[in-house]
mmCIF file of all heavy atoms, coordinates in Angstrom:
data_MODEL
# 
_entry.id   MODEL 
# 
loop_
_atom_site.group_PDB 
_atom_site.id 
_atom_site.type_symbol 
_atom_site.label_atom_id 
_atom_site.label_alt_id 
_atom_site.label_comp_id 
_atom_site.label_asym_id 
_atom_site.label_entity_id 
_atom_site.label_seq_id 
_atom_site.pdbx_PDB_ins_code 
_atom_site.Cartn_x 
_atom_site.Cartn_y 
_atom_site.Cartn_z 
_atom_site.occupancy 
_atom_site.B_iso_or_equiv 
_atom_site.pdbx_formal_charge 
_atom_site.auth_seq_id 
_atom_site.auth_comp_id 
_atom_site.auth_asym_id 
_atom_site.auth_atom_id 
_atom_site.pdbx_PDB_model_num 
ATOM 1   N N   . PRO A 1 1  ? 389.595 87.734  132.769 1.00 0.00 ? 1  PRO A N   1 
ATOM 2   C CA  . PRO A 1 1  ? 388.544 86.733  132.930 1.00 0.00 ? 1  PRO A CA  1 
ATOM 3   C C   . PRO A 1 1  ? 387.611 87.158  134.085 1.00 0.00 ? 1  PRO A C   1 
ATOM 4   O O   . PRO A 1 1  ? 387.965 87.993  134.915 1.00 0.00 ? 1  PRO A O   1 
ATOM 5   C CB  . PRO A 1 1  ? 389.329 85.464  133.320 1.00 0.00 ? 1  PRO A CB  1 
ATOM 6   C CG  . PRO A 1 1  ? 390.770 85.777  133.135 1.00 0.00 ? 1  PRO A CG  1 
ATOM 7   C CD  . PRO A 1 1  ? 390.935 87.247  133.221 1.00 0.00 ? 1  PRO A CD  1 
ATOM 8   N N   . LEU A 1 2  ? 386.418 86.562  134.091 1.00 0.00 ? 2  LEU A N   1 
ATOM 9   C CA  . LEU A 1 2  ? 385.498 86.803  135.193 1.00 0.00 ? 2  LEU A CA  1 
ATOM 10  C C   . LEU A 1 2  ? 385.734 85.751  136.212 1.00 0.00 ? 2  LEU A C   1 
ATOM 11  O O   . LEU A 1 2  ? 385.816 84.556  135.918 1.00 0.00 ? 2  LEU A O   1 
ATOM 12  C CB  . LEU A 1 2  ? 384.065 86.727  134.687 1.00 0.00 ? 2  LEU A CB  1 
ATOM 13  C CG  . LEU A 1 2  ? 383.641 87.750  133.629 1.00 0.00 ? 2  LEU A CG  1 
ATOM 14  C CD1 . LEU A 1 2  ? 382.154 87.501  133.254 1.00 0.00 ? 2  LEU A CD1 1 
ATOM 15  C CD2 . LEU A 1 2  ? 383.831 89.154  134.112 1.00 0.00 ? 2  LEU A CD2 1 
ATOM 16  N N   . SER A 1 3  ? 385.780 86.176  137.477 1.00 0.00 ? 3  SER A N   1 
ATOM 17  C CA  . SER A 1 3  ? 385.789 85.202  138.565 1.00 0.00 ? 3  SER A CA  1 
ATOM 18  C C   . SER A 1 3  ? 384.351 84.852  138.995 1.00 0.00 ? 3  SER A C   1 
ATOM 19  O O   . SER A 1 3  ? 384.086 83.772  139.544 1.00 0.00 ? 3  SER A O   1 
ATOM 20  C CB  . SER A 1 3  ? 386.606 85.648  139.765 1.00 0.00 ? 3  SER A CB  1 
ATOM 21  O OG  . SER A 1 3  ? 386.050 86.875  140.302 1.00 0.00 ? 3  SER A OG  1 
ATOM 22  N N   . ARG A 1 4  ? 383.429 85.802  138.673 1.00 0.00 ? 4  ARG A N   1 
ATOM 23  C CA  . ARG A 1 4  ? 382.012 85.519  138.870 1.00 0.00 ? 4  ARG A CA  1 
ATOM 24  C C   . ARG A 1 4  ? 381.242 86.400  137.893 1.00 0.00 ? 4  ARG A C   1 
ATOM 25  O O   . ARG A 1 4  ? 381.355 87.628  137.954 1.00 0.00 ? 4  ARG A O   1 
ATOM 26  C CB  . ARG A 1 4  ? 381.521 85.780  140.313 1.00 0.00 ? 4  ARG A CB  1 
ATOM 27  C CG  . ARG A 1 4  ? 380.080 85.252  140.537 1.00 0.00 ? 4  ARG A CG  1 
ATOM 28  C CD  . ARG A 1 4  ? 379.753 85.356  141.998 1.00 0.00 ? 4  ARG A CD  1 
ATOM 29  N NE  . ARG A 1 4  ? 379.309 86.677  142.374 1.00 0.00 ? 4  ARG A NE  1 
ATOM 30  C CZ  . ARG A 1 4  ? 379.045 87.055  143.646 1.00 0.00 ? 4  ARG A CZ  1 
ATOM 31  N NH1 . ARG A 1 4  ? 379.287 86.208  144.596 1.00 0.00 ? 4  ARG A NH1 1 
ATOM 32  N NH2 . ARG A 1 4  ? 378.659 88.276  143.887 1.00 0.00 ? 4  ARG A NH2 1 
ATOM 33  N N   . PRO A 1 5  ? 380.405 85.846  137.037 1.00 0.00 ? 5  PRO A N   1 
ATOM 34  C CA  . PRO A 1 5  ? 379.644 86.650  136.083 1.00 0.00 ? 5  PRO A CA  1 
ATOM 35  C C   . PRO A 1 5  ? 378.622 87.532  136.805 1.00 0.00 ? 5  PRO A C   1 
ATOM 36  O O   . PRO A 1 5  ? 378.192 87.191  137.952 1.00 0.00 ? 5  PRO A O   1 
ATOM 37  C CB  . PRO A 1 5  ? 378.916 85.616  135.195 1.00 0.00 ? 5  PRO A CB  1 
ATOM 38  C CG  . PRO A 1 5  ? 379.716 84.353  135.353 1.00 0.00 ? 5  PRO A CG  1 
ATOM 39  C CD  . PRO A 1 5  ? 380.255 84.409  136.774 1.00 0.00 ? 5  PRO A CD  1 
ATOM 40  N N   . GLY A 1 6  ? 378.231 88.607  136.151 1.00 0.00 ? 6  GLY A N   1 
ATOM 41  C CA  . GLY A 1 6  ? 377.234 89.514  136.729 1.00 0.00 ? 6  GLY A CA  1 
ATOM 42  C C   . GLY A 1 6  ? 377.133 90.786  135.936 1.00 0.00 ? 6  GLY A C   1 
ATOM 43  O O   . GLY A 1 6  ? 377.617 90.861  134.793 1.00 0.00 ? 6  GLY A O   1 
ATOM 44  N N   . GLN A 1 7  ? 376.552 91.814  136.595 1.00 0.00 ? 7  GLN A N   1 
ATOM 45  C CA  . GLN A 1 7  ? 376.392 93.087  135.931 1.00 0.00 ? 7  GLN A CA  1 
ATOM 46  C C   . GLN A 1 7  ? 377.720 93.746  135.664 1.00 0.00 ? 7  GLN A C   1 
ATOM 47  O O   . GLN A 1 7  ? 378.507 93.973  136.591 1.00 0.00 ? 7  GLN A O   1 
ATOM 48  C CB  . GLN A 1 7  ? 375.517 94.020  136.835 1.00 0.00 ? 7  GLN A CB  1 
ATOM 49  C CG  . GLN A 1 7  ? 375.353 95.410  136.249 1.00 0.00 ? 7  GLN A CG  1 
ATOM 50  C CD  . GLN A 1 7  ? 374.738 96.383  137.218 1.00 0.00 ? 7  GLN A CD  1 
ATOM 51  O OE1 . GLN A 1 7  ? 374.045 95.971  138.125 1.00 0.00 ? 7  GLN A OE1 1 
ATOM 52  N NE2 . GLN A 1 7  ? 374.924 97.698  137.022 1.00 0.00 ? 7  GLN A NE2 1 
ATOM 53  N N   . PRO A 1 8  ? 378.020 94.154  134.436 1.00 0.00 ? 8  PRO A N   1 
ATOM 54  C CA  . PRO A 1 8  ? 379.261 94.872  134.195 1.00 0.00 ? 8  PRO A CA  1 
ATOM 55  C C   . PRO A 1 8  ? 379.232 96.270  134.863 1.00 0.00 ? 8  PRO A C   1 
ATOM 56  O O   . PRO A 1 8  ? 378.183 96.888  134.973 1.00 0.00 ? 8  PRO A O   1 
ATOM 57  C CB  . PRO A 1 8  ? 379.279 95.048  132.653 1.00 0.00 ? 8  PRO A CB  1 
ATOM 58  C CG  . PRO A 1 8  ? 378.379 93.971  132.161 1.00 0.00 ? 8  PRO A CG  1 
ATOM 59  C CD  . PRO A 1 8  ? 377.311 93.821  133.186 1.00 0.00 ? 8  PRO A CD  1 
ATOM 60  N N   . LEU A 1 9  ? 380.382 96.707  135.323 1.00 0.00 ? 9  LEU A N   1 
ATOM 61  C CA  . LEU A 1 9  ? 380.534 97.976  136.004 1.00 0.00 ? 9  LEU A CA  1 
ATOM 62  C C   . LEU A 1 9  ? 381.403 98.891  135.176 1.00 0.00 ? 9  LEU A C   1 
ATOM 63  O O   . LEU A 1 9  ? 382.318 98.468  134.452 1.00 0.00 ? 9  LEU A O   1 
ATOM 64  C CB  . LEU A 1 9  ? 381.116 97.800  137.397 1.00 0.00 ? 9  LEU A CB  1 
ATOM 65  C CG  . LEU A 1 9  ? 380.379 96.849  138.348 1.00 0.00 ? 9  LEU A CG  1 
ATOM 66  C CD1 . LEU A 1 9  ? 381.110 96.745  139.673 1.00 0.00 ? 9  LEU A CD1 1 
ATOM 67  C CD2 . LEU A 1 9  ? 378.953 97.332  138.577 1.00 0.00 ? 9  LEU A CD2 1 
ATOM 68  N N   . ASP A 1 10 ? 381.189 100.188 135.305 1.00 0.00 ? 10 ASP A N   1 
ATOM 69  C CA  . ASP A 1 10 ? 382.070 101.163 134.659 1.00 0.00 ? 10 ASP A CA  1 
ATOM 70  C C   . ASP A 1 10 ? 383.429 101.223 135.300 1.00 0.00 ? 10 ASP A C   1 
ATOM 71  O O   . ASP A 1 10 ? 384.456 101.517 134.660 1.00 0.00 ? 10 ASP A O   1 
ATOM 72  C CB  . ASP A 1 10 ? 381.424 102.580 134.712 1.00 0.00 ? 10 ASP A CB  1 
ATOM 73  C CG  . ASP A 1 10 ? 380.206 102.696 133.873 1.00 0.00 ? 10 ASP A CG  1 
ATOM 74  O OD1 . ASP A 1 10 ? 380.326 102.461 132.615 1.00 0.00 ? 10 ASP A OD1 1 
ATOM 75  O OD2 . ASP A 1 10 ? 379.082 102.938 134.377 1.00 0.00 ? 10 ASP A OD2 1 
ATOM 76  N N   . PHE A 1 11 ? 383.497 100.955 136.625 1.00 0.00 ? 11 PHE A N   1 
ATOM 77  C CA  . PHE A 1 11 ? 384.752 100.894 137.318 1.00 0.00 ? 11 PHE A CA  1 
ATOM 78  C C   . PHE A 1 11 ? 384.765 99.721  138.258 1.00 0.00 ? 11 PHE A C   1 
ATOM 79  O O   . PHE A 1 11 ? 383.831 99.458  138.997 1.00 0.00 ? 11 PHE A O   1 
ATOM 80  C CB  . PHE A 1 11 ? 384.939 102.186 138.133 1.00 0.00 ? 11 PHE A CB  1 
ATOM 81  C CG  . PHE A 1 11 ? 386.230 102.166 138.994 1.00 0.00 ? 11 PHE A CG  1 
ATOM 82  C CD1 . PHE A 1 11 ? 387.453 102.433 138.428 1.00 0.00 ? 11 PHE A CD1 1 
ATOM 83  C CD2 . PHE A 1 11 ? 386.145 101.843 140.336 1.00 0.00 ? 11 PHE A CD2 1 
ATOM 84  C CE1 . PHE A 1 11 ? 388.618 102.380 139.191 1.00 0.00 ? 11 PHE A CE1 1 
ATOM 85  C CE2 . PHE A 1 11 ? 387.309 101.777 141.087 1.00 0.00 ? 11 PHE A CE2 1 
ATOM 86  C CZ  . PHE A 1 11 ? 388.526 102.075 140.525 1.00 0.00 ? 11 PHE A CZ  1 
ATOM 87  N N   . ASP A 1 12 ? 385.865 99.016  138.259 1.00 0.00 ? 12 ASP A N   1 
ATOM 88  C CA  . ASP A 1 12 ? 386.030 97.882  139.164 1.00 0.00 ? 12 ASP A CA  1 
ATOM 89  C C   . ASP A 1 12 ? 387.501 97.620  139.349 1.00 0.00 ? 12 ASP A C   1 
ATOM 90  O O   . ASP A 1 12 ? 388.349 98.168  138.680 1.00 0.00 ? 12 ASP A O   1 
ATOM 91  C CB  . ASP A 1 12 ? 385.325 96.654  138.627 1.00 0.00 ? 12 ASP A CB  1 
ATOM 92  C CG  . ASP A 1 12 ? 384.995 95.619  139.726 1.00 0.00 ? 12 ASP A CG  1 
ATOM 93  O OD1 . ASP A 1 12 ? 385.183 95.961  140.930 1.00 0.00 ? 12 ASP A OD1 1 
ATOM 94  O OD2 . ASP A 1 12 ? 384.458 94.540  139.384 1.00 0.00 ? 12 ASP A OD2 1 
ATOM 95  N N   . LYS A 1 13 ? 387.839 96.715  140.278 1.00 0.00 ? 13 LYS A N   1 
ATOM 96  C CA  . LYS A 1 13 ? 389.177 96.287  140.490 1.00 0.00 ? 13 LYS A CA  1 
ATOM 97  C C   . LYS A 1 13 ? 389.213 94.760  140.487 1.00 0.00 ? 13 LYS A C   1 
ATOM 98  O O   . LYS A 1 13 ? 388.219 94.110  140.864 1.00 0.00 ? 13 LYS A O   1 
ATOM 99  C CB  . LYS A 1 13 ? 389.737 96.788  141.845 1.00 0.00 ? 13 LYS A CB  1 
ATOM 100 C CG  . LYS A 1 13 ? 389.928 98.295  141.914 1.00 0.00 ? 13 LYS A CG  1 
ATOM 101 C CD  . LYS A 1 13 ? 390.567 98.666  143.262 1.00 0.00 ? 13 LYS A CD  1 
ATOM 102 C CE  . LYS A 1 13 ? 390.800 100.163 143.371 1.00 0.00 ? 13 LYS A CE  1 
ATOM 103 N NZ  . LYS A 1 13 ? 391.413 100.503 144.697 1.00 0.00 ? 13 LYS A NZ  1 
ATOM 104 N N   . THR A 1 14 ? 390.323 94.196  140.090 1.00 0.00 ? 14 THR A N   1 
ATOM 105 C CA  . THR A 1 14 ? 390.481 92.721  140.146 1.00 0.00 ? 14 THR A CA  1 
ATOM 106 C C   . THR A 1 14 ? 390.494 92.261  141.595 1.00 0.00 ? 14 THR A C   1 
ATOM 107 O O   . THR A 1 14 ? 390.857 93.065  142.514 1.00 0.00 ? 14 THR A O   1 
ATOM 108 C CB  . THR A 1 14 ? 391.762 92.283  139.375 1.00 0.00 ? 14 THR A CB  1 
ATOM 109 O OG1 . THR A 1 14 ? 392.920 92.878  140.012 1.00 0.00 ? 14 THR A OG1 1 
ATOM 110 C CG2 . THR A 1 14 ? 391.708 92.689  137.908 1.00 0.00 ? 14 THR A CG2 1 
ATOM 111 N N   . THR A 1 15 ? 390.176 91.021  141.827 1.00 0.00 ? 15 THR A N   1 
ATOM 112 C CA  . THR A 1 15 ? 389.814 90.571  143.177 1.00 0.00 ? 15 THR A CA  1 
ATOM 113 C C   . THR A 1 15 ? 391.016 90.372  144.083 1.00 0.00 ? 15 THR A C   1 
ATOM 114 O O   . THR A 1 15 ? 390.883 90.395  145.315 1.00 0.00 ? 15 THR A O   1 
ATOM 115 C CB  . THR A 1 15 ? 389.030 89.271  143.115 1.00 0.00 ? 15 THR A CB  1 
ATOM 116 O OG1 . THR A 1 15 ? 389.720 88.363  142.297 1.00 0.00 ? 15 THR A OG1 1 
ATOM 117 C CG2 . THR A 1 15 ? 387.651 89.491  142.541 1.00 0.00 ? 15 THR A CG2 1 
ATOM 118 N N   . VAL A 1 16 ? 392.221 90.211  143.547 1.00 0.00 ? 16 VAL A N   1 
ATOM 119 C CA  . VAL A 1 16 ? 393.375 89.974  144.421 1.00 0.00 ? 16 VAL A CA  1 
ATOM 120 C C   . VAL A 1 16 ? 394.309 91.214  144.432 1.00 0.00 ? 16 VAL A C   1 
ATOM 121 O O   . VAL A 1 16 ? 394.478 91.836  145.496 1.00 0.00 ? 16 VAL A O   1 
ATOM 122 C CB  . VAL A 1 16 ? 394.172 88.758  143.930 1.00 0.00 ? 16 VAL A CB  1 
ATOM 123 C CG1 . VAL A 1 16 ? 395.428 88.565  144.775 1.00 0.00 ? 16 VAL A CG1 1 
ATOM 124 C CG2 . VAL A 1 16 ? 393.310 87.519  143.992 1.00 0.00 ? 16 VAL A CG2 1 
ATOM 125 N N   . ALA A 1 17 ? 394.881 91.589  143.317 1.00 0.00 ? 17 ALA A N   1 
ATOM 126 C CA  . ALA A 1 17 ? 395.821 92.745  143.291 1.00 0.00 ? 17 ALA A CA  1 
ATOM 127 C C   . ALA A 1 17 ? 395.135 94.085  143.280 1.00 0.00 ? 17 ALA A C   1 
ATOM 128 O O   . ALA A 1 17 ? 395.765 95.097  143.605 1.00 0.00 ? 17 ALA A O   1 
ATOM 129 C CB  . ALA A 1 17 ? 396.764 92.592  142.081 1.00 0.00 ? 17 ALA A CB  1 
ATOM 130 N N   . GLY A 1 18 ? 393.874 94.146  142.906 1.00 0.00 ? 18 GLY A N   1 
ATOM 131 C CA  . GLY A 1 18 ? 393.175 95.421  142.886 1.00 0.00 ? 18 GLY A CA  1 
ATOM 132 C C   . GLY A 1 18 ? 393.532 96.285  141.690 1.00 0.00 ? 18 GLY A C   1 
ATOM 133 O O   . GLY A 1 18 ? 393.566 97.504  141.756 1.00 0.00 ? 18 GLY A O   1 
ATOM 134 N N   . THR A 1 19 ? 393.802 95.631  140.548 1.00 0.00 ? 19 THR A N   1 
ATOM 135 C CA  . THR A 1 19 ? 394.114 96.351  139.317 1.00 0.00 ? 19 THR A CA  1 
ATOM 136 C C   . THR A 1 19 ? 392.821 97.045  138.827 1.00 0.00 ? 19 THR A C   1 
ATOM 137 O O   . THR A 1 19 ? 391.810 96.360  138.626 1.00 0.00 ? 19 THR A O   1 
ATOM 138 C CB  . THR A 1 19 ? 394.660 95.422  138.245 1.00 0.00 ? 19 THR A CB  1 
ATOM 139 O OG1 . THR A 1 19 ? 395.889 94.842  138.729 1.00 0.00 ? 19 THR A OG1 1 
ATOM 140 C CG2 . THR A 1 19 ? 394.874 96.097  136.915 1.00 0.00 ? 19 THR A CG2 1 
ATOM 141 N N   . PRO A 1 20 ? 392.828 98.324  138.562 1.00 0.00 ? 20 PRO A N   1 
ATOM 142 C CA  . PRO A 1 20 ? 391.606 99.002  138.144 1.00 0.00 ? 20 PRO A CA  1 
ATOM 143 C C   . PRO A 1 20 ? 391.226 98.738  136.679 1.00 0.00 ? 20 PRO A C   1 
ATOM 144 O O   . PRO A 1 20 ? 392.096 98.761  135.784 1.00 0.00 ? 20 PRO A O   1 
ATOM 145 C CB  . PRO A 1 20 ? 391.934 100.493 138.323 1.00 0.00 ? 20 PRO A CB  1 
ATOM 146 C CG  . PRO A 1 20 ? 393.225 100.558 139.072 1.00 0.00 ? 20 PRO A CG  1 
ATOM 147 C CD  . PRO A 1 20 ? 393.920 99.284  138.755 1.00 0.00 ? 20 PRO A CD  1 
ATOM 148 N N   . ILE A 1 21 ? 389.940 98.490  136.461 1.00 0.00 ? 21 ILE A N   1 
ATOM 149 C CA  . ILE A 1 21 ? 389.423 98.226  135.088 1.00 0.00 ? 21 ILE A CA  1 
ATOM 150 C C   . ILE A 1 21 ? 388.286 99.218  134.845 1.00 0.00 ? 21 ILE A C   1 
ATOM 151 O O   . ILE A 1 21 ? 387.382 99.390  135.649 1.00 0.00 ? 21 ILE A O   1 
ATOM 152 C CB  . ILE A 1 21 ? 388.900 96.769  135.022 1.00 0.00 ? 21 ILE A CB  1 
ATOM 153 C CG1 . ILE A 1 21 ? 389.982 95.797  135.435 1.00 0.00 ? 21 ILE A CG1 1 
ATOM 154 C CG2 . ILE A 1 21 ? 388.395 96.479  133.605 1.00 0.00 ? 21 ILE A CG2 1 
ATOM 155 C CD1 . ILE A 1 21 ? 391.251 95.792  134.570 1.00 0.00 ? 21 ILE A CD1 1 
ATOM 156 N N   . LEU A 1 22 ? 388.313 99.865  133.651 1.00 0.00 ? 22 LEU A N   1 
ATOM 157 C CA  . LEU A 1 22 ? 387.393 100.939 133.316 1.00 0.00 ? 22 LEU A CA  1 
ATOM 158 C C   . LEU A 1 22 ? 386.638 100.700 132.072 1.00 0.00 ? 22 LEU A C   1 
ATOM 159 O O   . LEU A 1 22 ? 387.157 100.099 131.086 1.00 0.00 ? 22 LEU A O   1 
ATOM 160 C CB  . LEU A 1 22 ? 388.207 102.233 133.087 1.00 0.00 ? 22 LEU A CB  1 
ATOM 161 C CG  . LEU A 1 22 ? 389.215 102.713 134.073 1.00 0.00 ? 22 LEU A CG  1 
ATOM 162 C CD1 . LEU A 1 22 ? 389.894 103.965 133.549 1.00 0.00 ? 22 LEU A CD1 1 
ATOM 163 C CD2 . LEU A 1 22 ? 388.585 103.027 135.392 1.00 0.00 ? 22 LEU A CD2 1 
ATOM 164 N N   . SER A 1 23 ? 385.383 101.229 132.008 1.00 0.00 ? 23 SER A N   1 
ATOM 165 C CA  . SER A 1 23 ? 384.671 101.306 130.791 1.00 0.00 ? 23 SER A CA  1 
ATOM 166 C C   . SER A 1 23 ? 385.206 102.456 129.909 1.00 0.00 ? 23 SER A C   1 
ATOM 167 O O   . SER A 1 23 ? 385.987 103.276 130.405 1.00 0.00 ? 23 SER A O   1 
ATOM 168 C CB  . SER A 1 23 ? 383.197 101.504 131.051 1.00 0.00 ? 23 SER A CB  1 
ATOM 169 O OG  . SER A 1 23 ? 382.949 102.813 131.557 1.00 0.00 ? 23 SER A OG  1 
ATOM 170 N N   . GLU A 1 24 ? 384.752 102.493 128.680 1.00 0.00 ? 24 GLU A N   1 
ATOM 171 C CA  . GLU A 1 24 ? 385.174 103.588 127.774 1.00 0.00 ? 24 GLU A CA  1 
ATOM 172 C C   . GLU A 1 24 ? 384.732 104.951 128.363 1.00 0.00 ? 24 GLU A C   1 
ATOM 173 O O   . GLU A 1 24 ? 385.481 105.935 128.221 1.00 0.00 ? 24 GLU A O   1 
ATOM 174 C CB  . GLU A 1 24 ? 384.531 103.378 126.391 1.00 0.00 ? 24 GLU A CB  1 
ATOM 175 C CG  . GLU A 1 24 ? 384.636 104.578 125.439 1.00 0.00 ? 24 GLU A CG  1 
ATOM 176 C CD  . GLU A 1 24 ? 386.058 105.001 125.165 1.00 0.00 ? 24 GLU A CD  1 
ATOM 177 O OE1 . GLU A 1 24 ? 386.970 104.153 125.079 1.00 0.00 ? 24 GLU A OE1 1 
ATOM 178 O OE2 . GLU A 1 24 ? 386.283 106.240 125.110 1.00 0.00 ? 24 GLU A OE2 1 
ATOM 179 N N   . ARG A 1 25 ? 383.546 105.056 128.931 1.00 0.00 ? 25 ARG A N   1 
ATOM 180 C CA  . ARG A 1 25 ? 383.105 106.337 129.488 1.00 0.00 ? 25 ARG A CA  1 
ATOM 181 C C   . ARG A 1 25 ? 383.960 106.813 130.651 1.00 0.00 ? 25 ARG A C   1 
ATOM 182 O O   . ARG A 1 25 ? 384.251 107.993 130.731 1.00 0.00 ? 25 ARG A O   1 
ATOM 183 C CB  . ARG A 1 25 ? 381.625 106.242 129.922 1.00 0.00 ? 25 ARG A CB  1 
ATOM 184 C CG  . ARG A 1 25 ? 380.652 106.081 128.791 1.00 0.00 ? 25 ARG A CG  1 
ATOM 185 C CD  . ARG A 1 25 ? 379.265 106.454 129.237 1.00 0.00 ? 25 ARG A CD  1 
ATOM 186 N NE  . ARG A 1 25 ? 378.776 105.623 130.327 1.00 0.00 ? 25 ARG A NE  1 
ATOM 187 C CZ  . ARG A 1 25 ? 377.838 105.996 131.165 1.00 0.00 ? 25 ARG A CZ  1 
ATOM 188 N NH1 . ARG A 1 25 ? 377.242 107.207 131.051 1.00 0.00 ? 25 ARG A NH1 1 
ATOM 189 N NH2 . ARG A 1 25 ? 377.420 105.202 132.159 1.00 0.00 ? 25 ARG A NH2 1 
# 
């Protein structure tokens, strides 16, 4: 889920645990 909507990123982490989330590229 989003905790705050905005520009999608190719790389990010979740806001508490820091789980990495990646785009297909």
